[in-house]
Amino acid sequence: MKINDYLFLILKYLKTKKLRTFLTSLGITIGIATIFTLIALSQGLQYYVQSELNKFGNKAIFIFPGARAGFVSSISGYFTNSFIENIKTLPGVERVIKAYSTSTIIKYNNYQIPADVLVINTNDINYLTYVDYNILEGTFITNNNNCQVDLGYQIANSPSLNNQKISVGDYINIFGQRCQVVGILQQTSGNPDYTILFPEGEYEKIFGNINYNYLIVIVYNYNIAYNSINNYINSLKGQTYTIVTAQSIEQIADQIIGGISMFSLIIASISILISAINIVNTMYTSILERYKEIGLLKALGMKNIEVLVLFLLESGFIGLLGGILGIMLGFFTSYIASSVLKFYGFIGLQPYINVQLIIFSLVFPFFIGILSGTLPAIKASRIDPMVALRYE
């Protein structure tokens, strides 16, 4: 038989059983859509994380008090003045910025907006450009003892403002104080978008002494600075600090993405396995329904191998249909998911879809279908035409 003959017989039968074919391929569709979405988003997320980390790459090292507990260190303990001064003197270190991070709710007119707050000395403010804090409008805060702030882009343009926005020169209420907005930060798709820069001196007037919870170490030679900081911290007794770099964040992010991917793949595999069982059942049902037809085809000269190929291709086509529908659904869900993530601040995140992913999403379900249809196809190829023609 020619390939056209196979296609004619396969499509003719599948058209007569449209609903059954669709329902049988549905499990494949869900499984492939899950895998497609997962791979597209995980690769996109990896590129996104890499691009975000490249913004400060080898320019900065972060130090937290306490030992690592998951993604970052557990914030316990404190920095002594001697520790900070010693870090400043280490080779490769250009500047040490003491930082205190907290969260609050600011008020603007009758609106309330949740925000992260980075308390920092205004003498260090220009060094924040090394870690992706840049001014879009206005200026950085300049007076350490006045209540003035810089707002992250998403705070100034928060959906909570009901289509309004906070501009340079406006006043907000933060920590019970009326503070003037002197700058709006550039949009980054990262943490700066949701952060308010607050002057250290003004914070001390409100709350007293600051227990800084991390250091931003600006370096001019990354390798030398990292090694000297690491060696110094390891030499300390009775005190524990955690060094966080772009590379360590990337490694942890990859582990998290890998764990989520593995879990999702297991779920998708279960869906495909169930669908494969359904294909087996459907093909056995198809053989019973076409028992007499198979006998007639064999009586007219169709060989056993041709019957085998016919049913293998038919089951493969069911898998292929699931793959096509899965790709369509995967395109939709991956872009919907990325849109949702953008709403939560992942502005630059795009699903990464390439030709290899599309080819895999077609070839894999096709072979799953063929594999599922192997036993039914063998049974069909062994049907005795004389017995089949007498079958009622």
Protein backbone atom coordinates (compact mmCIF):
# COMPACT_ATOMS: atom_id res chain seq x y z
CA MET A 1 0.00 0.00 0.00
CA LYS A 2 1.06 3.57 -0.70
CA ILE A 3 1.18 6.22 1.98
CA ASN A 4 -1.83 7.93 0.39
CA ASP A 5 -3.86 4.75 0.87
CA TYR A 6 -2.91 4.59 4.53
CA LEU A 7 -3.84 8.24 5.04
CA PHE A 8 -7.17 7.79 3.26
CA LEU A 9 -8.20 4.83 5.42
CA ILE A 10 -6.97 6.43 8.66
CA LEU A 11 -8.61 9.82 8.13
CA LYS A 12 -11.82 8.23 6.89
CA TYR A 13 -12.19 6.21 10.07
CA LEU A 14 -11.10 8.97 12.46
CA LYS A 15 -13.63 11.35 10.88
CA THR A 16 -16.44 8.90 11.58
CA LYS A 17 -15.38 8.74 15.24
CA LYS A 18 -14.59 12.41 15.86
CA LEU A 19 -15.75 12.59 19.47
CA ARG A 20 -14.03 9.36 20.49
CA THR A 21 -10.82 10.44 18.76
CA PHE A 22 -10.91 13.83 20.49
CA LEU A 23 -11.59 12.38 23.93
CA THR A 24 -8.86 9.75 23.48
CA SER A 25 -6.32 12.39 22.52
CA LEU A 26 -7.38 14.73 25.34
CA GLY A 27 -4.99 13.22 27.88
CA ILE A 28 -2.10 13.62 25.42
CA THR A 29 -3.24 17.21 24.83
CA ILE A 30 -3.15 18.04 28.54
CA GLY A 31 0.19 16.30 29.05
CA ILE A 32 1.88 17.96 26.07
CA ALA A 33 0.39 21.36 26.95
CA THR A 34 1.78 21.00 30.48
CA ILE A 35 5.23 20.02 29.24
CA PHE A 36 5.17 22.72 26.54
CA THR A 37 4.16 25.44 29.01
CA LEU A 38 6.63 24.21 31.61
CA ILE A 39 9.61 24.17 29.25
CA ALA A 40 8.69 27.50 27.63
CA LEU A 41 8.28 29.22 31.00
CA SER A 42 11.25 27.60 32.74
CA GLN A 43 13.60 28.50 29.88
CA GLY A 44 12.10 31.98 29.75
CA LEU A 45 12.51 32.30 33.51
CA GLN A 46 16.14 31.20 33.32
CA TYR A 47 16.86 33.83 30.67
CA TYR A 48 14.97 36.39 32.76
CA VAL A 49 16.91 35.59 35.94
CA GLN A 50 20.18 35.67 34.01
CA SER A 51 19.38 39.05 32.44
CA GLU A 52 18.37 40.52 35.80
CA LEU A 53 21.50 39.24 37.54
CA ASN A 54 23.70 40.47 34.70
CA LYS A 55 22.62 44.00 35.59
CA PHE A 56 24.91 43.93 38.61
CA GLY A 57 26.81 40.70 37.90
CA ASN A 58 30.33 41.18 39.23
CA LYS A 59 29.79 44.67 40.63
CA ALA A 60 28.28 43.85 44.00
CA ILE A 61 28.37 41.28 46.78
CA PHE A 62 25.71 41.10 49.49
CA ILE A 63 26.42 40.07 53.08
CA PHE A 64 23.67 39.00 55.51
CA PRO A 65 23.99 38.23 59.21
CA GLY A 66 23.16 34.62 60.04
CA ALA A 67 23.39 31.29 58.25
CA ARG A 68 21.78 30.37 54.96
CA ALA A 69 18.27 28.98 55.25
CA GLY A 70 16.83 28.43 51.81
CA PHE A 71 16.94 31.12 49.18
CA VAL A 72 18.76 33.69 51.32
CA SER A 73 20.20 33.72 54.80
CA SER A 74 18.10 33.68 57.91
CA ILE A 75 18.16 37.26 59.14
CA SER A 76 19.55 36.78 62.60
CA GLY A 77 22.40 38.43 64.39
CA TYR A 78 23.81 41.85 63.55
CA PHE A 79 26.82 43.62 62.09
CA THR A 80 29.39 45.04 64.47
CA ASN A 81 31.17 48.27 63.61
CA SER A 82 34.50 46.44 63.59
CA PHE A 83 33.14 43.89 61.09
CA ILE A 84 31.98 46.63 58.73
CA GLU A 85 35.24 48.55 59.03
CA ASN A 86 37.28 45.41 58.38
CA ILE A 87 35.23 44.63 55.25
CA LYS A 88 36.00 48.14 53.97
CA THR A 89 39.74 47.47 54.16
CA LEU A 90 39.71 44.16 52.27
CA PRO A 91 41.36 43.92 48.83
CA GLY A 92 39.02 44.45 45.88
CA VAL A 93 36.41 46.34 47.93
CA GLU A 94 35.45 49.81 46.72
CA ARG A 95 32.54 50.72 48.99
CA VAL A 96 30.51 49.16 51.80
CA ILE A 97 26.90 50.32 52.00
CA LYS A 98 24.99 49.67 55.20
CA ALA A 99 21.37 48.91 54.36
CA TYR A 100 18.22 48.24 56.30
CA SER A 101 15.25 46.69 54.53
CA THR A 102 11.74 46.70 55.93
CA SER A 103 8.17 46.99 54.69
CA THR A 104 5.30 49.34 55.37
CA ILE A 105 2.11 50.78 53.94
CA ILE A 106 2.30 54.31 52.60
CA LYS A 107 -0.62 56.69 52.21
CA TYR A 108 -1.22 59.02 49.30
CA ASN A 109 -4.42 61.06 49.49
CA ASN A 110 -6.97 58.40 50.43
CA TYR A 111 -5.02 55.49 48.93
CA GLN A 112 -2.86 52.93 50.74
CA ILE A 113 0.01 51.16 48.98
CA PRO A 114 2.20 48.36 50.42
CA ALA A 115 5.90 48.93 49.81
CA ASP A 116 9.38 47.72 50.66
CA VAL A 117 11.64 50.35 52.17
CA LEU A 118 15.42 50.56 51.78
CA VAL A 119 16.94 52.78 54.46
CA ILE A 120 20.29 54.12 53.32
CA ASN A 121 22.75 56.93 53.98
CA THR A 122 22.46 59.57 51.26
CA ASN A 123 26.27 59.63 50.96
CA ASP A 124 26.03 56.10 49.53
CA ILE A 125 23.02 56.70 47.32
CA ASN A 126 24.84 57.06 43.99
CA TYR A 127 26.42 53.62 44.43
CA LEU A 128 22.96 52.03 44.18
CA THR A 129 23.22 52.40 40.41
CA TYR A 130 25.52 49.37 40.58
CA VAL A 131 22.57 47.28 41.77
CA ASP A 132 20.01 48.64 39.30
CA TYR A 133 18.59 51.60 41.20
CA ASN A 134 18.45 54.44 38.68
CA ILE A 135 16.49 57.68 38.54
CA LEU A 136 13.77 58.12 35.92
CA GLU A 137 12.39 61.46 37.11
CA GLY A 138 13.73 63.92 39.66
CA THR A 139 16.81 63.12 41.76
CA PHE A 140 18.10 60.71 44.36
CA ILE A 141 17.45 61.70 47.97
CA THR A 142 20.20 64.13 49.00
CA ASN A 143 19.48 65.23 52.57
CA ASN A 144 20.04 62.53 55.16
CA ASN A 145 17.99 64.33 57.79
CA ASN A 146 14.98 65.51 55.79
CA CYS A 147 11.87 63.46 55.09
CA GLN A 148 12.31 62.96 51.35
CA VAL A 149 11.98 59.73 49.38
CA ASP A 150 12.51 58.09 46.01
CA LEU A 151 9.68 55.84 44.86
CA GLY A 152 9.93 52.62 42.87
CA TYR A 153 8.17 52.75 39.51
CA GLN A 154 5.39 50.33 40.46
CA ILE A 155 4.66 52.25 43.65
CA ALA A 156 4.34 55.56 41.83
CA ASN A 157 2.10 53.88 39.26
CA SER A 158 0.33 51.43 41.56
CA PRO A 159 -3.05 49.99 40.47
CA SER A 160 -4.21 50.93 43.99
CA LEU A 161 -4.12 54.58 42.88
CA ASN A 162 -7.16 54.10 40.63
CA ASN A 163 -5.53 55.40 37.41
CA GLN A 164 -3.69 58.18 39.25
CA LYS A 165 0.05 58.31 39.83
CA ILE A 166 2.43 59.83 42.34
CA SER A 167 4.74 62.43 40.82
CA VAL A 168 7.91 64.24 41.83
CA GLY A 169 6.98 67.00 44.26
CA ASP A 170 4.00 65.15 45.72
CA TYR A 171 3.83 64.25 49.40
CA ILE A 172 3.18 60.83 50.90
CA ASN A 173 2.68 59.65 54.45
CA ILE A 174 5.23 57.03 55.52
CA PHE A 175 6.09 55.90 59.07
CA GLY A 176 3.63 58.53 60.27
CA GLN A 177 5.64 61.31 58.61
CA ARG A 178 4.76 63.59 55.69
CA CYS A 179 7.57 63.14 53.17
CA GLN A 180 8.19 64.72 49.79
CA VAL A 181 8.81 62.60 46.71
CA VAL A 182 12.02 63.88 45.07
CA GLY A 183 12.54 61.06 42.57
CA ILE A 184 10.91 58.19 40.70
CA LEU A 185 13.09 55.14 39.97
CA GLN A 186 13.41 53.58 36.55
CA GLN A 187 11.32 50.50 35.86
CA THR A 188 13.45 47.37 36.21
CA SER A 189 11.00 44.44 36.46
CA GLY A 190 12.76 43.64 39.73
CA ASN A 191 12.77 44.60 43.40
CA PRO A 192 13.57 48.32 42.86
CA ASP A 193 10.13 48.77 41.29
CA TYR A 194 8.48 48.09 44.65
CA THR A 195 11.04 49.85 46.87
CA ILE A 196 11.14 53.26 48.53
CA LEU A 197 14.55 54.80 49.25
CA PHE A 198 14.42 56.45 52.68
CA PRO A 199 17.16 58.58 54.32
CA GLU A 200 19.02 56.98 57.20
CA GLY A 201 19.08 60.05 59.43
CA GLU A 202 15.34 60.61 59.18
CA TYR A 203 14.68 56.95 60.01
CA GLU A 204 16.89 57.22 63.11
CA LYS A 205 14.94 60.28 64.27
CA ILE A 206 11.74 58.23 64.12
CA PHE A 207 12.88 54.82 65.40
CA GLY A 208 16.29 55.32 67.00
CA ASN A 209 19.38 53.24 66.21
CA ILE A 210 19.22 51.07 63.10
CA ASN A 211 20.08 47.38 63.23
CA TYR A 212 21.29 47.01 59.63
CA ASN A 213 20.19 43.70 58.11
CA TYR A 214 22.52 43.53 55.13
CA LEU A 215 25.55 45.09 53.49
CA ILE A 216 25.97 45.95 49.82
CA VAL A 217 29.65 45.63 49.00
CA ILE A 218 30.61 47.42 45.78
CA VAL A 219 33.75 45.85 44.32
CA TYR A 220 36.28 46.87 41.69
CA ASN A 221 37.78 43.38 41.39
CA TYR A 222 35.17 40.70 41.95
CA ASN A 223 37.40 37.63 42.34
CA ILE A 224 39.82 39.29 44.71
CA ALA A 225 37.02 40.88 46.74
CA TYR A 226 34.98 37.67 46.97
CA ASN A 227 37.95 35.58 48.08
CA SER A 228 39.10 38.13 50.64
CA ILE A 229 35.58 38.54 52.09
CA ASN A 230 35.02 34.79 52.16
CA ASN A 231 38.37 34.14 53.86
CA TYR A 232 37.74 36.87 56.42
CA ILE A 233 34.24 35.58 57.30
CA ASN A 234 35.52 32.00 57.58
CA SER A 235 38.20 33.17 60.00
CA LEU A 236 35.63 34.59 62.42
CA LYS A 237 34.65 32.56 65.47
CA GLY A 238 31.24 32.73 67.09
CA GLN A 239 29.78 34.83 64.28
CA THR A 240 28.08 33.62 61.11
CA TYR A 241 27.49 35.61 57.95
CA THR A 242 26.16 34.66 54.54
CA ILE A 243 27.65 35.89 51.28
CA VAL A 244 25.15 36.23 48.43
CA THR A 245 26.29 36.89 44.87
CA ALA A 246 24.64 36.91 41.47
CA GLN A 247 26.10 33.46 40.84
CA SER A 248 24.77 31.97 44.09
CA ILE A 249 21.31 33.42 43.46
CA GLU A 250 21.34 31.97 39.95
CA GLN A 251 22.31 28.53 41.24
CA ILE A 252 19.53 28.53 43.83
CA ALA A 253 17.03 29.83 41.27
CA ASP A 254 18.03 27.01 38.91
CA GLN A 255 17.48 24.47 41.70
CA ILE A 256 14.03 25.87 42.45
CA ILE A 257 13.07 25.96 38.77
CA GLY A 258 14.40 22.42 38.37
CA GLY A 259 12.34 21.17 41.32
CA ILE A 260 9.16 22.77 40.02
CA SER A 261 9.90 21.41 36.55
CA MET A 262 10.43 17.89 37.85
CA PHE A 263 7.15 17.94 39.78
CA SER A 264 5.25 19.26 36.75
CA LEU A 265 6.85 16.66 34.48
CA ILE A 266 5.69 13.90 36.81
CA ILE A 267 2.12 15.23 36.65
CA ALA A 268 2.33 15.53 32.85
CA SER A 269 3.76 12.01 32.57
CA ILE A 270 0.85 10.59 34.57
CA SER A 271 -1.56 12.35 32.21
CA ILE A 272 0.21 10.93 29.16
CA LEU A 273 0.32 7.44 30.70
CA ILE A 274 -3.44 7.50 31.30
CA SER A 275 -3.95 8.72 27.75
CA ALA A 276 -1.74 5.92 26.42
CA ILE A 277 -3.96 3.38 28.19
CA ASN A 278 -6.99 5.07 26.62
CA ILE A 279 -5.38 4.75 23.19
CA VAL A 280 -4.87 1.02 23.77
CA ASN A 281 -8.52 0.66 24.76
CA THR A 282 -9.70 2.74 21.79
CA MET A 283 -7.65 0.72 19.32
CA TYR A 284 -8.97 -2.59 20.66
CA THR A 285 -12.50 -1.19 20.35
CA SER A 286 -11.71 -0.06 16.82
CA ILE A 287 -10.56 -3.56 15.87
CA LEU A 288 -13.77 -5.12 17.18
CA GLU A 289 -15.85 -2.60 15.26
CA ARG A 290 -13.90 -3.19 12.04
CA TYR A 291 -13.31 -6.91 12.45
CA LYS A 292 -15.23 -7.78 9.28
CA GLU A 293 -13.70 -4.85 7.37
CA ILE A 294 -10.20 -6.04 8.26
CA GLY A 295 -11.07 -9.53 7.03
CA LEU A 296 -12.36 -8.07 3.74
CA LEU A 297 -9.20 -6.00 3.24
CA LYS A 298 -7.02 -9.04 3.86
CA ALA A 299 -9.18 -11.15 1.53
CA LEU A 300 -8.61 -8.49 -1.16
CA GLY A 301 -4.85 -8.86 -0.78
CA MET A 302 -3.84 -6.64 2.12
CA LYS A 303 -0.82 -8.16 3.86
CA ASN A 304 -0.39 -8.69 7.59
CA ILE A 305 2.43 -6.13 7.71
CA GLU A 306 0.20 -3.58 5.97
CA VAL A 307 -2.58 -4.11 8.52
CA LEU A 308 0.02 -3.72 11.27
CA VAL A 309 1.31 -0.45 9.78
CA LEU A 310 -2.25 0.83 9.26
CA PHE A 311 -3.19 0.47 12.91
CA LEU A 312 0.17 1.70 14.17
CA LEU A 313 -0.20 4.86 12.08
CA GLU A 314 -3.80 5.28 13.21
CA SER A 315 -2.82 5.20 16.88
CA GLY A 316 0.13 7.46 16.06
CA PHE A 317 -2.24 9.96 14.44
CA ILE A 318 -4.35 10.04 17.60
CA GLY A 319 -1.19 10.90 19.56
CA LEU A 320 -0.21 13.47 16.91
CA LEU A 321 -3.62 15.11 17.18
CA GLY A 322 -3.08 15.38 20.94
CA GLY A 323 0.33 16.92 20.27
CA ILE A 324 -1.08 19.54 17.88
CA LEU A 325 -3.84 20.49 20.30
CA GLY A 326 -1.30 20.45 23.15
CA ILE A 327 0.95 22.92 21.31
CA MET A 328 -2.00 25.25 20.69
CA LEU A 329 -3.06 25.03 24.33
CA GLY A 330 0.57 25.34 25.47
CA PHE A 331 1.05 28.57 23.49
CA PHE A 332 -2.05 30.00 25.12
CA THR A 333 -1.28 28.92 28.69
CA SER A 334 2.40 29.92 28.57
CA TYR A 335 1.55 33.47 27.50
CA ILE A 336 -1.30 33.70 29.99
CA ALA A 337 1.05 32.51 32.76
CA SER A 338 3.75 35.00 31.73
CA SER A 339 1.15 37.80 31.73
CA VAL A 340 0.14 36.86 35.27
CA LEU A 341 3.79 36.81 36.37
CA LYS A 342 4.32 40.23 34.77
CA PHE A 343 1.51 41.54 36.93
CA TYR A 344 3.56 40.44 39.96
CA GLY A 345 6.66 42.26 38.76
CA PHE A 346 8.36 39.94 36.25
CA ILE A 347 8.13 42.62 33.56
CA GLY A 348 10.77 41.20 31.23
CA LEU A 349 9.62 37.58 31.43
CA GLN A 350 8.70 36.00 28.09
CA PRO A 351 8.06 32.30 27.40
CA TYR A 352 10.91 30.87 25.34
CA ILE A 353 9.49 28.82 22.46
CA ASN A 354 11.81 27.43 19.80
CA VAL A 355 11.55 25.03 16.87
CA GLN A 356 13.03 22.15 18.88
CA LEU A 357 10.24 22.44 21.46
CA ILE A 358 7.56 22.38 18.75
CA ILE A 359 9.14 19.39 16.98
CA PHE A 360 9.43 17.50 20.27
CA SER A 361 5.77 18.26 21.06
CA LEU A 362 4.77 16.66 17.75
CA VAL A 363 7.16 13.72 17.53
CA PHE A 364 6.90 12.59 21.16
CA PRO A 365 3.09 12.10 21.25
CA PHE A 366 3.20 10.50 17.79
CA PHE A 367 5.55 7.80 19.07
CA ILE A 368 3.56 7.48 22.30
CA GLY A 369 0.55 6.75 20.11
CA ILE A 370 2.45 4.18 18.05
CA LEU A 371 3.78 2.51 21.18
CA SER A 372 0.30 2.39 22.70
CA GLY A 373 -1.16 0.89 19.55
CA THR A 374 1.46 -1.82 19.11
CA LEU A 375 -0.40 -4.70 20.79
CA PRO A 376 -3.77 -3.89 19.17
CA ALA A 377 -2.04 -3.53 15.78
CA ILE A 378 -0.38 -6.94 16.18
CA LYS A 379 -3.75 -8.46 17.05
CA ALA A 380 -5.33 -6.84 13.97
CA SER A 381 -2.57 -8.11 11.69
CA ARG A 382 -3.17 -11.70 12.86
CA ILE A 383 -6.90 -11.76 12.14
CA ASP A 384 -7.92 -14.71 9.96
CA PRO A 385 -9.88 -13.24 6.99
CA MET A 386 -12.10 -16.34 6.70
CA VAL A 387 -13.12 -16.08 10.36
CA ALA A 388 -13.53 -12.30 10.10
CA LEU A 389 -15.83 -12.47 7.07
CA ARG A 390 -18.17 -14.80 8.98
CA TYR A 391 -18.08 -12.49 12.02
CA GLU A 392 -21.43 -10.98 12.98
